[in-house]
């Protein structure tokens, strides 16, 4: 049974930024969002595939999707 909660969804374009900026900016942006919000992050930094899942694990956020894209990588994160 649903409680009627519909999470807000946000998009964050971090293409062109190099390590550690994508992970740092993602963490800061997640801290500003309400719990349950969804954040889609797009990056071109190859190290983001390590850093962003680690950030999610460390801070308790749920990594819903991690997908390679034509220009880099896309992550969908649910804020804890």
Foldseek 3Di string as FASTA:
>chain_A
DDPPDDAAEEEAEPEPDEPPVQLVVVVVVLVVDDAFHKYKYDYQYACCVVRNVVSCVVQVKDFPDWQADPRHIITIIGRD
